Amino acid sequence: MGLTLAVANQKGGVGKTATAVNLGASLALDGHRVLLIDLDSQGSATSGVGEEHTKGASSYEVLIGEIPASEAIRRTSIDNLSLIPGTRDLAGAEVELVSYEDRHSRLRDRLSSVSGHYDFVLIDCPPSLGMLTLNALCASDAVVVPLQCEFYALEGLGALVDTLERVRSAFHPDLRILGILLTMYDGRTSLSRQVAREVRQHFGERVLRAMVPRNVRISESPSYGLPVVTYDPSSQGAVAYRNAAREIVAMTLPPRDASEQHGESHHETTTG
């Protein structure tokens, strides 16, 4: 049985889509079967793996029940990485879903027929806490939170934690934060160091050791339709995402295997 992870943060510009795309690609490169679901109307995760988000079936048709999830799945150029694309139609889904009685659980129900075929299902959520994100959270076993190392980071994280508590109490009592990934980290600034320190004090081991640095290769790679882990595998950003993916795997394995995986990734540099 695979693990479904929502990559979520209601704040935009925190590296959410880059995280979903590069974690998915990293897991696939390490031999795991991965399904990436683009639930954002901008379709950035779709184009980020080199696919068109204006053609073919998408997560929108899956959500509203026009087609089964299996008909929307595409293979990507990366072995082991499949995709359900996002489309602009998702912008209207926020309103359309309100009329359905099962509006919060539609994605979960529709993924049930395909999720077992994958080791990991990653859902790239829109930068909001609306109906699409609620569907992603209800469909997921846990949440990965990309957190930009900036002044308002903790405030935004607090709002997300409050939302997760409400989702837990109303719909999904087992939902949890699997990991918090610090992004856009610049060790030369006291602000980045301070935010990292405070987040680790508040959330302890749920904060991944890997930190994604500010790195121009991460910004360049989407224009080539590639995750940074394949666009420039030796770049600091790529190495950080590969390490983060291995930490996530370690968190989901039995204790003995997790310790082995932990030791394997510990030898690589996570930031630059």
C-alpha atoms as a PDB file:
ATOM      1  CA  MET A   1       0.000   0.000   0.000  1.00  0.00           C
ATOM      2  CA  GLY A   2       1.452   3.358  -1.025  1.00  0.00           C
ATOM      3  CA  LEU A   3       1.594   6.643   0.843  1.00  0.00           C
ATOM      4  CA  THR A   4      -0.326   9.705  -0.315  1.00  0.00           C
ATOM      5  CA  LEU A   5       1.234  13.051   0.578  1.00  0.00           C
ATOM      6  CA  ALA A   6      -0.239  16.518   0.089  1.00  0.00           C
ATOM      7  CA  VAL A   7       2.383  19.190  -0.570  1.00  0.00           C
ATOM      8  CA  ALA A   8       0.609  22.158   0.941  1.00  0.00           C
ATOM      9  CA  ASN A   9       1.075  25.717   2.134  1.00  0.00           C
ATOM     10  CA  GLN A  10      -1.590  28.385   1.755  1.00  0.00           C
ATOM     11  CA  LYS A  11       1.099  30.991   1.143  1.00  0.00           C
ATOM     12  CA  GLY A  12       2.296  31.420  -2.432  1.00  0.00           C
ATOM     13  CA  GLY A  13       5.915  31.701  -3.504  1.00  0.00           C
ATOM     14  CA  VAL A  14       7.319  29.243  -0.974  1.00  0.00           C
ATOM     15  CA  GLY A  15       8.570  26.668  -3.476  1.00  0.00           C
ATOM     16  CA  LYS A  16       5.526  24.415  -3.152  1.00  0.00           C
ATOM     17  CA  THR A  17       5.318  23.262  -6.753  1.00  0.00           C
ATOM     18  CA  ALA A  18       9.099  22.959  -7.051  1.00  0.00           C
ATOM     19  CA  THR A  19       8.974  20.774  -3.967  1.00  0.00           C
ATOM     20  CA  ALA A  20       6.188  18.528  -5.286  1.00  0.00           C
ATOM     21  CA  VAL A  21       7.894  18.127  -8.661  1.00  0.00           C
ATOM     22  CA  ASN A  22      11.398  17.532  -7.327  1.00  0.00           C
ATOM     23  CA  LEU A  23      10.382  15.247  -4.483  1.00  0.00           C
ATOM     24  CA  GLY A  24       8.358  13.220  -6.971  1.00  0.00           C
ATOM     25  CA  ALA A  25      11.220  13.058  -9.446  1.00  0.00           C
ATOM     26  CA  SER A  26      13.742  12.238  -6.707  1.00  0.00           C
ATOM     27  CA  LEU A  27      11.616   9.375  -5.390  1.00  0.00           C
ATOM     28  CA  ALA A  28      11.190   8.056  -8.941  1.00  0.00           C
ATOM     29  CA  LEU A  29      14.937   8.268  -9.608  1.00  0.00           C
ATOM     30  CA  ASP A  30      15.491   6.197  -6.473  1.00  0.00           C
ATOM     31  CA  GLY A  31      13.274   3.468  -7.910  1.00  0.00           C
ATOM     32  CA  HIS A  32       9.921   4.227  -6.251  1.00  0.00           C
ATOM     33  CA  ARG A  33       6.716   4.238  -8.294  1.00  0.00           C
ATOM     34  CA  VAL A  34       5.336   7.768  -8.049  1.00  0.00           C
ATOM     35  CA  LEU A  35       2.122   9.471  -9.129  1.00  0.00           C
ATOM     36  CA  LEU A  36       2.203  13.278  -9.152  1.00  0.00           C
ATOM     37  CA  ILE A  37      -1.215  14.969  -9.090  1.00  0.00           C
ATOM     38  CA  ASP A  38      -1.426  18.617 -10.143  1.00  0.00           C
ATOM     39  CA  LEU A  39      -4.380  20.175  -8.310  1.00  0.00           C
ATOM     40  CA  ASP A  40      -3.436  23.794  -9.086  1.00  0.00           C
ATOM     41  CA  SER A  41      -5.229  25.646 -11.884  1.00  0.00           C
ATOM     42  CA  GLN A  42      -1.933  27.206 -12.970  1.00  0.00           C
ATOM     43  CA  GLY A  43      -0.712  23.758 -14.025  1.00  0.00           C
ATOM     44  CA  SER A  44       2.860  24.518 -12.985  1.00  0.00           C
ATOM     45  CA  ALA A  45       3.610  21.008 -11.744  1.00  0.00           C
ATOM     46  CA  THR A  46       2.402  19.678 -15.095  1.00  0.00           C
ATOM     47  CA  SER A  47       4.662  21.927 -17.155  1.00  0.00           C
ATOM     48  CA  GLY A  48       7.429  21.384 -14.608  1.00  0.00           C
ATOM     49  CA  VAL A  49       7.752  17.781 -15.773  1.00  0.00           C
ATOM     50  CA  GLY A  50       7.499  18.733 -19.441  1.00  0.00           C
ATOM     51  CA  GLU A  51       3.804  18.025 -20.036  1.00  0.00           C
ATOM     52  CA  GLU A  52       1.110  20.180 -21.661  1.00  0.00           C
ATOM     53  CA  HIS A  53      -1.603  21.310 -19.249  1.00  0.00           C
ATOM     54  CA  THR A  54      -3.981  22.467 -22.000  1.00  0.00           C
ATOM     55  CA  LYS A  55      -4.480  19.070 -23.642  1.00  0.00           C
ATOM     56  CA  GLY A  56      -6.102  15.851 -22.530  1.00  0.00           C
ATOM     57  CA  ALA A  57      -7.805  14.706 -19.360  1.00  0.00           C
ATOM     58  CA  SER A  58      -6.884  16.332 -16.068  1.00  0.00           C
ATOM     59  CA  SER A  59      -7.495  16.287 -12.334  1.00  0.00           C
ATOM     60  CA  TYR A  60     -10.544  18.492 -12.941  1.00  0.00           C
ATOM     61  CA  GLU A  61     -12.423  15.769 -14.839  1.00  0.00           C
ATOM     62  CA  VAL A  62     -11.426  13.264 -12.147  1.00  0.00           C
ATOM     63  CA  LEU A  63     -12.723  15.509  -9.365  1.00  0.00           C
ATOM     64  CA  ILE A  64     -16.103  16.203 -10.913  1.00  0.00           C
ATOM     65  CA  GLY A  65     -16.526  12.547 -11.850  1.00  0.00           C
ATOM     66  CA  GLU A  66     -16.420  12.731 -15.654  1.00  0.00           C
ATOM     67  CA  ILE A  67     -13.681  10.086 -15.895  1.00  0.00           C
ATOM     68  CA  PRO A  68     -11.962   7.593 -13.580  1.00  0.00           C
ATOM     69  CA  ALA A  69      -8.511   8.573 -12.324  1.00  0.00           C
ATOM     70  CA  SER A  70      -6.866   5.853 -14.426  1.00  0.00           C
ATOM     71  CA  GLU A  71      -7.897   7.643 -17.647  1.00  0.00           C
ATOM     72  CA  ALA A  72      -6.157  10.879 -16.634  1.00  0.00           C
ATOM     73  CA  ILE A  73      -2.767   9.343 -15.787  1.00  0.00           C
ATOM     74  CA  ARG A  74       0.125  10.096 -18.133  1.00  0.00           C
ATOM     75  CA  ARG A  75       3.645   8.798 -18.187  1.00  0.00           C
ATOM     76  CA  THR A  76       6.393  11.401 -18.010  1.00  0.00           C
ATOM     77  CA  SER A  77       9.901  11.403 -19.430  1.00  0.00           C
ATOM     78  CA  ILE A  78      11.186  10.247 -16.024  1.00  0.00           C
ATOM     79  CA  ASP A  79      11.024   6.518 -15.394  1.00  0.00           C
ATOM     80  CA  ASN A  80       8.659   5.572 -12.542  1.00  0.00           C
ATOM     81  CA  LEU A  81       7.020   9.047 -12.502  1.00  0.00           C
ATOM     82  CA  SER A  82       3.420   9.358 -13.698  1.00  0.00           C
ATOM     83  CA  LEU A  83       1.211  12.445 -13.721  1.00  0.00           C
ATOM     84  CA  ILE A  84      -2.404  13.530 -13.482  1.00  0.00           C
ATOM     85  CA  PRO A  85      -2.191  17.015 -15.013  1.00  0.00           C
ATOM     86  CA  GLY A  86      -3.716  20.236 -13.762  1.00  0.00           C
ATOM     87  CA  THR A  87      -5.724  22.634 -15.907  1.00  0.00           C
ATOM     88  CA  ARG A  88      -7.305  26.087 -15.752  1.00  0.00           C
ATOM     89  CA  ASP A  89     -10.699  24.417 -15.280  1.00  0.00           C
ATOM     90  CA  LEU A  90      -9.688  23.745 -11.665  1.00  0.00           C
ATOM     91  CA  ALA A  91     -10.287  27.439 -10.937  1.00  0.00           C
ATOM     92  CA  GLY A  92     -14.018  26.799 -11.338  1.00  0.00           C
ATOM     93  CA  ALA A  93     -13.943  23.569  -9.359  1.00  0.00           C
ATOM     94  CA  GLU A  94     -13.815  25.500  -6.080  1.00  0.00           C
ATOM     95  CA  VAL A  95     -17.364  26.730  -6.771  1.00  0.00           C
ATOM     96  CA  GLU A  96     -18.663  23.571  -8.452  1.00  0.00           C
ATOM     97  CA  LEU A  97     -17.618  21.263  -5.612  1.00  0.00           C
ATOM     98  CA  VAL A  98     -19.727  23.155  -3.076  1.00  0.00           C
ATOM     99  CA  SER A  99     -22.898  21.667  -4.571  1.00  0.00           C
ATOM    100  CA  TYR A 100     -21.776  18.058  -3.998  1.00  0.00           C
ATOM    101  CA  GLU A 101     -22.649  16.287  -0.756  1.00  0.00           C
ATOM    102  CA  ASP A 102     -19.311  14.469  -0.786  1.00  0.00           C
ATOM    103  CA  ARG A 103     -17.423  17.642  -1.720  1.00  0.00           C
ATOM    104  CA  HIS A 104     -14.549  17.092   0.726  1.00  0.00           C
ATOM    105  CA  SER A 105     -13.899  13.437  -0.148  1.00  0.00           C
ATOM    106  CA  ARG A 106     -14.275  13.303  -3.921  1.00  0.00           C
ATOM    107  CA  LEU A 107     -10.552  13.124  -4.653  1.00  0.00           C
ATOM    108  CA  ARG A 108     -10.001  10.445  -1.989  1.00  0.00           C
ATOM    109  CA  ASP A 109     -12.783   8.291  -3.406  1.00  0.00           C
ATOM    110  CA  ARG A 110     -11.559   8.647  -6.973  1.00  0.00           C
ATOM    111  CA  LEU A 111      -7.941   7.884  -6.160  1.00  0.00           C
ATOM    112  CA  SER A 112      -8.796   4.714  -4.269  1.00  0.00           C
ATOM    113  CA  SER A 113      -8.727   2.666  -7.476  1.00  0.00           C
ATOM    114  CA  VAL A 114      -5.204   3.750  -8.495  1.00  0.00           C
ATOM    115  CA  SER A 115      -3.252   4.775  -5.380  1.00  0.00           C
ATOM    116  CA  GLY A 116      -2.357   1.184  -4.523  1.00  0.00           C
ATOM    117  CA  HIS A 117      -0.341   0.905  -7.735  1.00  0.00           C
ATOM    118  CA  TYR A 118       2.179   3.487  -6.503  1.00  0.00           C
ATOM    119  CA  ASP A 119       4.660   3.705  -3.650  1.00  0.00           C
ATOM    120  CA  PHE A 120       4.032   7.436  -3.333  1.00  0.00           C
ATOM    121  CA  VAL A 121       1.235   9.721  -4.527  1.00  0.00           C
ATOM    122  CA  LEU A 122       2.153  13.415  -4.275  1.00  0.00           C
ATOM    123  CA  ILE A 123      -0.539  16.088  -4.592  1.00  0.00           C
ATOM    124  CA  ASP A 124       0.537  19.608  -5.504  1.00  0.00           C
ATOM    125  CA  CYS A 125      -2.051  21.848  -3.813  1.00  0.00           C
ATOM    126  CA  PRO A 126      -3.042  25.383  -4.826  1.00  0.00           C
ATOM    127  CA  PRO A 127      -1.735  28.239  -2.622  1.00  0.00           C
ATOM    128  CA  SER A 128      -4.965  28.522  -0.646  1.00  0.00           C
ATOM    129  CA  LEU A 129      -6.993  26.626   1.936  1.00  0.00           C
ATOM    130  CA  GLY A 130     -10.073  26.222  -0.234  1.00  0.00           C
ATOM    131  CA  MET A 131     -12.055  23.228  -1.474  1.00  0.00           C
ATOM    132  CA  LEU A 132      -9.271  21.827  -3.668  1.00  0.00           C
ATOM    133  CA  THR A 133      -6.771  21.813  -0.818  1.00  0.00           C
ATOM    134  CA  LEU A 134      -9.403  20.309   1.488  1.00  0.00           C
ATOM    135  CA  ASN A 135      -9.870  17.479  -1.020  1.00  0.00           C
ATOM    136  CA  ALA A 136      -6.116  16.937  -1.163  1.00  0.00           C
ATOM    137  CA  LEU A 137      -5.831  16.820   2.633  1.00  0.00           C
ATOM    138  CA  CYS A 138      -8.732  14.383   2.972  1.00  0.00           C
ATOM    139  CA  ALA A 139      -7.168  12.153   0.296  1.00  0.00           C
ATOM    140  CA  SER A 140      -3.726  12.126   1.946  1.00  0.00           C
ATOM    141  CA  ASP A 141      -2.090  10.128   4.693  1.00  0.00           C
ATOM    142  CA  ALA A 142       0.137  13.045   5.643  1.00  0.00           C
ATOM    143  CA  VAL A 143       1.308  16.513   4.620  1.00  0.00           C
ATOM    144  CA  VAL A 144       4.676  17.839   3.501  1.00  0.00           C
ATOM    145  CA  VAL A 145       4.937  21.579   4.156  1.00  0.00           C
ATOM    146  CA  PRO A 146       7.440  23.662   2.175  1.00  0.00           C
ATOM    147  CA  LEU A 147       8.339  26.664   4.334  1.00  0.00           C
ATOM    148  CA  GLN A 148      10.220  29.659   3.011  1.00  0.00           C
ATOM    149  CA  CYS A 149      12.847  31.050   5.365  1.00  0.00           C
ATOM    150  CA  GLU A 150      11.332  34.501   5.695  1.00  0.00           C
ATOM    151  CA  PHE A 151       9.770  36.761   8.330  1.00  0.00           C
ATOM    152  CA  TYR A 152       6.119  35.660   7.964  1.00  0.00           C
ATOM    153  CA  ALA A 153       6.869  31.955   7.682  1.00  0.00           C
ATOM    154  CA  LEU A 154       5.848  30.969  11.199  1.00  0.00           C
ATOM    155  CA  GLU A 155       2.620  32.955  11.011  1.00  0.00           C
ATOM    156  CA  GLY A 156       1.643  31.180   7.796  1.00  0.00           C
ATOM    157  CA  LEU A 157       2.609  27.825   9.237  1.00  0.00           C
ATOM    158  CA  GLY A 158       0.411  28.503  12.247  1.00  0.00           C
ATOM    159  CA  ALA A 159      -2.598  29.079   9.976  1.00  0.00           C
ATOM    160  CA  LEU A 160      -1.909  25.825   8.151  1.00  0.00           C
ATOM    161  CA  VAL A 161      -1.590  23.889  11.416  1.00  0.00           C
ATOM    162  CA  ASP A 162      -4.959  25.323  12.540  1.00  0.00           C
ATOM    163  CA  THR A 163      -6.519  24.165   9.262  1.00  0.00           C
ATOM    164  CA  LEU A 164      -5.061  20.682   9.660  1.00  0.00           C
ATOM    165  CA  GLU A 165      -6.550  20.505  13.155  1.00  0.00           C
ATOM    166  CA  ARG A 166      -9.984  21.388  11.775  1.00  0.00           C
ATOM    167  CA  VAL A 167      -9.659  18.796   9.005  1.00  0.00           C
ATOM    168  CA  ARG A 168      -8.617  16.201  11.575  1.00  0.00           C
ATOM    169  CA  SER A 169     -11.552  16.901  13.856  1.00  0.00           C
ATOM    170  CA  ALA A 170     -14.146  17.052  11.079  1.00  0.00           C
ATOM    171  CA  PHE A 171     -13.031  14.591   8.382  1.00  0.00           C
ATOM    172  CA  HIS A 172      -9.695  12.833   8.809  1.00  0.00           C
ATOM    173  CA  PRO A 173      -8.490  12.089  12.369  1.00  0.00           C
ATOM    174  CA  ASP A 174      -5.293  10.341  11.168  1.00  0.00           C
ATOM    175  CA  LEU A 175      -3.973  13.250   9.090  1.00  0.00           C
ATOM    176  CA  ARG A 176      -0.524  14.411  10.215  1.00  0.00           C
ATOM    177  CA  ILE A 177       2.402  16.557   9.188  1.00  0.00           C
ATOM    178  CA  LEU A 178       5.064  14.159   7.937  1.00  0.00           C
ATOM    179  CA  GLY A 179       7.723  16.770   7.346  1.00  0.00           C
ATOM    180  CA  ILE A 180       8.441  20.486   7.066  1.00  0.00           C
ATOM    181  CA  LEU A 181      10.947  21.366   4.361  1.00  0.00           C
ATOM    182  CA  LEU A 182      12.762  24.680   4.694  1.00  0.00           C
ATOM    183  CA  THR A 183      13.105  26.351   1.288  1.00  0.00           C
ATOM    184  CA  MET A 184      14.951  29.369  -0.119  1.00  0.00           C
ATOM    185  CA  TYR A 185      17.442  29.079   2.715  1.00  0.00           C
ATOM    186  CA  ASP A 186      20.375  31.505   2.646  1.00  0.00           C
ATOM    187  CA  GLY A 187      22.865  30.697   5.373  1.00  0.00           C
ATOM    188  CA  ARG A 188      24.545  34.085   4.865  1.00  0.00           C
ATOM    189  CA  THR A 189      21.553  35.936   6.343  1.00  0.00           C
ATOM    190  CA  SER A 190      20.660  36.021  10.005  1.00  0.00           C
ATOM    191  CA  LEU A 191      16.941  35.943   9.077  1.00  0.00           C
ATOM    192  CA  SER A 192      17.205  32.545   7.365  1.00  0.00           C
ATOM    193  CA  ARG A 193      19.168  31.134  10.271  1.00  0.00           C
ATOM    194  CA  GLN A 194      16.689  32.559  12.787  1.00  0.00           C
ATOM    195  CA  VAL A 195      13.619  31.172  10.977  1.00  0.00           C
ATOM    196  CA  ALA A 196      15.252  27.749  10.653  1.00  0.00           C
ATOM    197  CA  ARG A 197      16.120  27.756  14.344  1.00  0.00           C
ATOM    198  CA  GLU A 198      12.616  28.776  15.452  1.00  0.00           C
ATOM    199  CA  VAL A 199      10.876  26.227  13.232  1.00  0.00           C
ATOM    200  CA  ARG A 200      13.107  23.464  14.563  1.00  0.00           C
ATOM    201  CA  GLN A 201      12.397  24.565  18.140  1.00  0.00           C
ATOM    202  CA  HIS A 202       8.636  24.432  17.519  1.00  0.00           C
ATOM    203  CA  PHE A 203       8.413  21.262  15.429  1.00  0.00           C
ATOM    204  CA  GLY A 204      11.506  19.252  16.315  1.00  0.00           C
ATOM    205  CA  GLU A 205      12.112  16.120  14.280  1.00  0.00           C
ATOM    206  CA  ARG A 206       9.281  16.877  11.879  1.00  0.00           C
ATOM    207  CA  VAL A 207      11.577  19.474  10.256  1.00  0.00           C
ATOM    208  CA  LEU A 208      13.718  17.788   7.618  1.00  0.00           C
ATOM    209  CA  ARG A 209      17.462  18.098   7.982  1.00  0.00           C
ATOM    210  CA  ALA A 210      17.776  18.887   4.282  1.00  0.00           C
ATOM    211  CA  MET A 211      17.225  22.573   3.524  1.00  0.00           C
ATOM    212  CA  VAL A 212      16.672  23.798  -0.026  1.00  0.00           C
ATOM    213  CA  PRO A 213      18.939  26.775  -0.703  1.00  0.00           C
ATOM    214  CA  ARG A 214      18.238  29.752  -2.895  1.00  0.00           C
ATOM    215  CA  ASN A 215      19.534  28.362  -6.166  1.00  0.00           C
ATOM    216  CA  VAL A 216      19.205  29.744  -9.678  1.00  0.00           C
ATOM    217  CA  ARG A 217      19.024  26.237 -11.163  1.00  0.00           C
ATOM    218  CA  ILE A 218      15.718  25.612  -9.356  1.00  0.00           C
ATOM    219  CA  SER A 219      14.278  28.756 -10.983  1.00  0.00           C
ATOM    220  CA  GLU A 220      15.638  27.865 -14.437  1.00  0.00           C
ATOM    221  CA  SER A 221      14.570  24.237 -14.633  1.00  0.00           C
ATOM    222  CA  PRO A 222      10.776  24.728 -15.172  1.00  0.00           C
ATOM    223  CA  SER A 223      11.419  26.685 -18.374  1.00  0.00           C
ATOM    224  CA  TYR A 224      13.063  23.541 -19.752  1.00  0.00           C
ATOM    225  CA  GLY A 225      10.197  21.316 -18.584  1.00  0.00           C
ATOM    226  CA  LEU A 226      12.498  19.500 -16.181  1.00  0.00           C
ATOM    227  CA  PRO A 227      12.794  19.083 -12.422  1.00  0.00           C
ATOM    228  CA  VAL A 228      16.074  20.503 -11.142  1.00  0.00           C
ATOM    229  CA  VAL A 229      17.129  16.997 -10.077  1.00  0.00           C
ATOM    230  CA  THR A 230      17.379  16.026 -13.751  1.00  0.00           C
ATOM    231  CA  TYR A 231      18.133  19.480 -15.193  1.00  0.00           C
ATOM    232  CA  ASP A 232      21.291  19.913 -13.093  1.00  0.00           C
ATOM    233  CA  PRO A 233      21.701  16.910 -10.773  1.00  0.00           C
ATOM    234  CA  SER A 234      24.880  18.244  -9.154  1.00  0.00           C
ATOM    235  CA  SER A 235      23.444  21.656  -8.239  1.00  0.00           C
ATOM    236  CA  GLN A 236      22.925  22.515  -4.590  1.00  0.00           C
ATOM    237  CA  GLY A 237      19.150  22.632  -5.043  1.00  0.00           C
ATOM    238  CA  ALA A 238      19.056  19.197  -6.678  1.00  0.00           C
ATOM    239  CA  VAL A 239      21.205  17.625  -3.968  1.00  0.00           C
ATOM    240  CA  ALA A 240      18.962  19.127  -1.283  1.00  0.00           C
ATOM    241  CA  TYR A 241      15.806  17.733  -2.878  1.00  0.00           C
ATOM    242  CA  ARG A 242      17.366  14.280  -3.341  1.00  0.00           C
ATOM    243  CA  ASN A 243      18.298  14.258   0.352  1.00  0.00           C
ATOM    244  CA  ALA A 244      14.839  15.480   1.388  1.00  0.00           C
ATOM    245  CA  ALA A 245      13.209  12.665  -0.593  1.00  0.00           C
ATOM    246  CA  ARG A 246      15.417  10.081   1.104  1.00  0.00           C
ATOM    247  CA  GLU A 247      14.529  11.499   4.502  1.00  0.00           C
ATOM    248  CA  ILE A 248      10.847  11.156   3.655  1.00  0.00           C
ATOM    249  CA  VAL A 249      11.384   7.545   2.641  1.00  0.00           C
ATOM    250  CA  ALA A 250      13.227   6.927   5.917  1.00  0.00           C
ATOM    251  CA  MET A 251      10.299   8.384   7.869  1.00  0.00           C
ATOM    252  CA  THR A 252       7.901   5.904   6.253  1.00  0.00           C
ATOM    253  CA  LEU A 253       9.968   2.710   6.560  1.00  0.00           C
ATOM    254  CA  PRO A 254      10.097   0.258   9.471  1.00  0.00           C
ATOM    255  CA  PRO A 255      12.606   1.339  12.175  1.00  0.00           C
ATOM    256  CA  ARG A 256      15.510  -0.896  11.088  1.00  0.00           C
ATOM    257  CA  ASP A 257      15.348   0.128   7.440  1.00  0.00           C
ATOM    258  CA  ALA A 258      14.745   3.754   8.387  1.00  0.00           C
ATOM    259  CA  SER A 259      18.005   3.858  10.346  1.00  0.00           C
ATOM    260  CA  GLU A 260      19.888   2.437   7.375  1.00  0.00           C
ATOM    261  CA  GLN A 261      18.337   4.998   5.017  1.00  0.00           C
ATOM    262  CA  HIS A 262      19.080   7.755   7.532  1.00  0.00           C
ATOM    263  CA  GLY A 263      22.734   6.831   7.599  1.00  0.00           C
ATOM    264  CA  GLU A 264      22.935   6.654   3.807  1.00  0.00           C
ATOM    265  CA  SER A 265      21.606  10.177   3.279  1.00  0.00           C
ATOM    266  CA  HIS A 266      23.566  11.632   6.192  1.00  0.00           C
ATOM    267  CA  HIS A 267      26.804  11.509   4.209  1.00  0.00           C
ATOM    268  CA  GLU A 268      25.575  13.923   1.540  1.00  0.00           C
ATOM    269  CA  THR A 269      25.644  17.716   1.815  1.00  0.00           C
ATOM    270  CA  THR A 270      22.195  19.215   2.177  1.00  0.00           C
ATOM    271  CA  THR A 271      22.828  22.911   1.757  1.00  0.00           C
ATOM    272  CA  GLY A 272      25.258  25.226   0.182  1.00  0.00           C
END
